[in-house]
């Protein structure tokens, strides 16, 4: 849902910025609103798999670093 809001109070702006940090809302610059039919660019995530069978964590060695 897209809503245009005119903010007239600095405290309200700070509140909106805090809500954005909590990922409750997303603030977009003027003119950046996506039109219907625009495609969203997907990001590719590549993961690796490491075999940790037989690995023993040495806390003393880690603390030395």
N, C-alpha and C. Protein backbone atom coordinates (compact mmCIF):
# COMPACT_ATOMS: atom_id res chain seq x y z
N UNK A 1 0.86 -1.16 0.00
CA UNK A 1 0.00 0.00 0.00
C UNK A 1 0.91 1.22 0.00
N UNK A 2 0.60 2.20 -0.80
CA UNK A 2 1.37 3.45 -0.87
C UNK A 2 0.50 4.60 -0.41
N UNK A 3 1.05 5.41 0.51
CA UNK A 3 0.35 6.58 1.04
C UNK A 3 1.32 7.75 0.98
N UNK A 4 0.85 8.90 0.54
CA UNK A 4 1.66 10.11 0.55
C UNK A 4 1.30 10.93 1.77
N UNK A 5 2.33 11.32 2.53
CA UNK A 5 2.12 12.04 3.77
C UNK A 5 2.98 13.30 3.77
N UNK A 6 2.40 14.42 4.17
CA UNK A 6 3.18 15.64 4.36
C UNK A 6 3.42 15.80 5.85
N UNK A 7 4.68 15.76 6.26
CA UNK A 7 5.03 15.83 7.68
C UNK A 7 5.40 17.27 8.01
N UNK A 8 4.76 17.82 9.03
CA UNK A 8 4.98 19.23 9.39
C UNK A 8 5.67 19.38 10.75
N UNK A 9 5.99 18.29 11.41
CA UNK A 9 6.58 18.35 12.73
C UNK A 9 7.86 17.51 12.75
N UNK A 10 8.96 18.07 13.28
CA UNK A 10 10.24 17.36 13.33
C UNK A 10 10.14 16.08 14.16
N UNK A 11 9.36 16.10 15.23
CA UNK A 11 9.19 14.91 16.06
C UNK A 11 8.52 13.78 15.29
N UNK A 12 7.60 14.13 14.40
CA UNK A 12 6.94 13.12 13.58
C UNK A 12 7.93 12.49 12.62
N UNK A 13 8.84 13.30 12.07
CA UNK A 13 9.87 12.76 11.17
C UNK A 13 10.75 11.79 11.93
N UNK A 14 11.16 12.15 13.13
CA UNK A 14 11.99 11.25 13.94
C UNK A 14 11.26 9.95 14.24
N UNK A 15 9.97 10.03 14.52
CA UNK A 15 9.18 8.83 14.77
C UNK A 15 9.13 7.94 13.53
N UNK A 16 8.94 8.55 12.37
CA UNK A 16 8.92 7.77 11.13
C UNK A 16 10.27 7.10 10.87
N UNK A 17 11.36 7.80 11.15
CA UNK A 17 12.69 7.22 10.97
C UNK A 17 12.91 6.04 11.91
N UNK A 18 12.41 6.14 13.13
CA UNK A 18 12.51 5.02 14.07
C UNK A 18 11.69 3.82 13.59
N UNK A 19 10.51 4.07 13.06
CA UNK A 19 9.68 2.99 12.52
C UNK A 19 10.37 2.32 11.33
N UNK A 20 11.09 3.10 10.55
CA UNK A 20 11.82 2.52 9.42
C UNK A 20 12.96 1.64 9.93
N UNK A 21 13.64 2.05 10.97
CA UNK A 21 14.71 1.23 11.56
C UNK A 21 14.17 -0.10 12.07
N UNK A 22 12.95 -0.09 12.58
CA UNK A 22 12.32 -1.32 13.08
C UNK A 22 11.72 -2.15 11.96
N UNK A 23 11.87 -1.68 10.73
CA UNK A 23 11.35 -2.36 9.53
C UNK A 23 9.83 -2.51 9.57
N UNK A 24 9.18 -1.49 10.14
CA UNK A 24 7.71 -1.46 10.16
C UNK A 24 7.20 -0.72 8.94
N UNK A 25 7.93 0.33 8.54
CA UNK A 25 7.59 1.08 7.33
C UNK A 25 8.84 1.22 6.49
N UNK A 26 8.68 1.61 5.22
CA UNK A 26 9.80 1.88 4.33
C UNK A 26 9.60 3.26 3.74
N UNK A 27 10.58 4.13 3.95
CA UNK A 27 10.52 5.48 3.40
C UNK A 27 11.24 5.50 2.07
N UNK A 28 10.58 6.02 1.05
CA UNK A 28 11.15 6.09 -0.29
C UNK A 28 11.32 7.55 -0.70
N UNK A 29 12.39 7.85 -1.43
CA UNK A 29 12.54 9.22 -1.93
C UNK A 29 11.42 9.56 -2.90
N UNK A 30 11.09 10.83 -3.02
CA UNK A 30 10.03 11.28 -3.93
C UNK A 30 10.41 10.88 -5.35
N UNK A 31 9.46 10.32 -6.07
CA UNK A 31 9.69 9.92 -7.46
C UNK A 31 10.22 8.52 -7.61
N UNK A 32 10.48 7.81 -6.51
CA UNK A 32 11.03 6.47 -6.63
C UNK A 32 9.97 5.38 -6.47
N UNK A 33 8.72 5.77 -6.42
CA UNK A 33 7.66 4.78 -6.25
C UNK A 33 7.55 3.91 -7.50
N UNK A 34 7.50 2.63 -7.29
CA UNK A 34 7.41 1.69 -8.41
C UNK A 34 6.01 1.74 -9.00
N UNK A 35 5.97 1.75 -10.31
CA UNK A 35 4.67 1.71 -11.00
C UNK A 35 4.25 0.27 -11.17
N UNK A 36 2.96 0.07 -11.37
CA UNK A 36 2.46 -1.28 -11.59
C UNK A 36 3.13 -1.84 -12.84
N UNK A 37 3.54 -3.08 -12.76
CA UNK A 37 4.18 -3.73 -13.89
C UNK A 37 5.70 -3.65 -13.83
N UNK A 38 6.25 -2.80 -12.97
CA UNK A 38 7.69 -2.74 -12.82
C UNK A 38 8.15 -4.02 -12.13
N UNK A 39 9.26 -4.57 -12.60
CA UNK A 39 9.75 -5.81 -12.00
C UNK A 39 10.72 -5.48 -10.87
N UNK A 40 10.67 -6.31 -9.86
CA UNK A 40 11.57 -6.16 -8.72
C UNK A 40 12.79 -7.01 -9.01
N UNK A 41 13.96 -6.41 -8.85
CA UNK A 41 15.19 -7.13 -9.13
C UNK A 41 15.48 -8.08 -7.99
N UNK A 42 15.63 -9.36 -8.29
CA UNK A 42 15.88 -10.37 -7.27
C UNK A 42 17.38 -10.52 -7.08
N UNK A 43 17.79 -10.73 -5.83
CA UNK A 43 19.19 -10.95 -5.52
C UNK A 43 19.43 -12.44 -5.35
N UNK A 44 20.55 -12.88 -5.85
CA UNK A 44 20.88 -14.29 -5.77
C UNK A 44 21.76 -14.52 -4.54
N UNK A 45 21.44 -15.54 -3.78
CA UNK A 45 22.20 -15.87 -2.58
C UNK A 45 22.87 -17.21 -2.80
N UNK A 46 24.19 -17.20 -2.72
CA UNK A 46 24.94 -18.45 -2.87
C UNK A 46 25.54 -18.82 -1.53
N UNK A 47 25.35 -20.05 -1.13
CA UNK A 47 25.85 -20.53 0.15
C UNK A 47 26.86 -21.64 -0.06
N UNK A 48 27.69 -21.84 0.93
CA UNK A 48 28.64 -22.94 0.88
C UNK A 48 28.32 -23.90 2.01
N UNK A 49 28.79 -25.12 1.85
CA UNK A 49 28.57 -26.12 2.88
C UNK A 49 29.93 -26.64 3.33
N UNK A 50 30.17 -26.63 4.62
CA UNK A 50 31.44 -27.07 5.18
C UNK A 50 31.18 -28.26 6.08
N UNK A 51 31.98 -29.31 5.87
CA UNK A 51 31.85 -30.51 6.69
C UNK A 51 32.60 -30.29 8.00
N UNK A 52 31.88 -30.26 9.11
CA UNK A 52 32.50 -30.03 10.42
C UNK A 52 32.56 -31.31 11.25
N UNK A 53 32.38 -32.43 10.60
CA UNK A 53 32.43 -33.71 11.29
C UNK A 53 33.83 -33.92 11.86
N UNK A 54 33.93 -34.19 13.13
CA UNK A 54 35.21 -34.41 13.79
C UNK A 54 35.89 -33.14 14.26
N UNK A 55 35.30 -31.98 14.03
CA UNK A 55 35.90 -30.72 14.46
C UNK A 55 35.62 -30.50 15.93
N UNK A 56 36.67 -30.10 16.67
CA UNK A 56 36.51 -29.80 18.09
C UNK A 56 36.98 -28.37 18.31
N UNK A 57 36.12 -27.55 18.89
CA UNK A 57 36.44 -26.15 19.15
C UNK A 57 37.33 -26.05 20.37
N UNK A 58 38.48 -25.38 20.22
CA UNK A 58 39.41 -25.18 21.32
C UNK A 58 39.28 -23.73 21.80
N UNK A 59 38.60 -23.54 22.92
CA UNK A 59 38.34 -22.20 23.44
C UNK A 59 39.64 -21.48 23.80
N UNK A 60 40.61 -22.19 24.36
CA UNK A 60 41.87 -21.56 24.75
C UNK A 60 42.61 -21.03 23.52
N UNK A 61 42.61 -21.80 22.44
CA UNK A 61 43.28 -21.36 21.22
C UNK A 61 42.55 -20.13 20.63
N UNK A 62 41.23 -20.13 20.69
CA UNK A 62 40.47 -18.99 20.17
C UNK A 62 40.71 -17.74 21.00
N UNK A 63 40.87 -17.87 22.30
CA UNK A 63 41.11 -16.72 23.16
C UNK A 63 42.49 -16.12 22.96
N UNK A 64 43.43 -16.92 22.47
CA UNK A 64 44.79 -16.42 22.23
C UNK A 64 44.84 -15.45 21.07
N UNK A 65 43.90 -15.53 20.15
CA UNK A 65 43.94 -14.68 18.96
C UNK A 65 43.57 -13.30 19.26
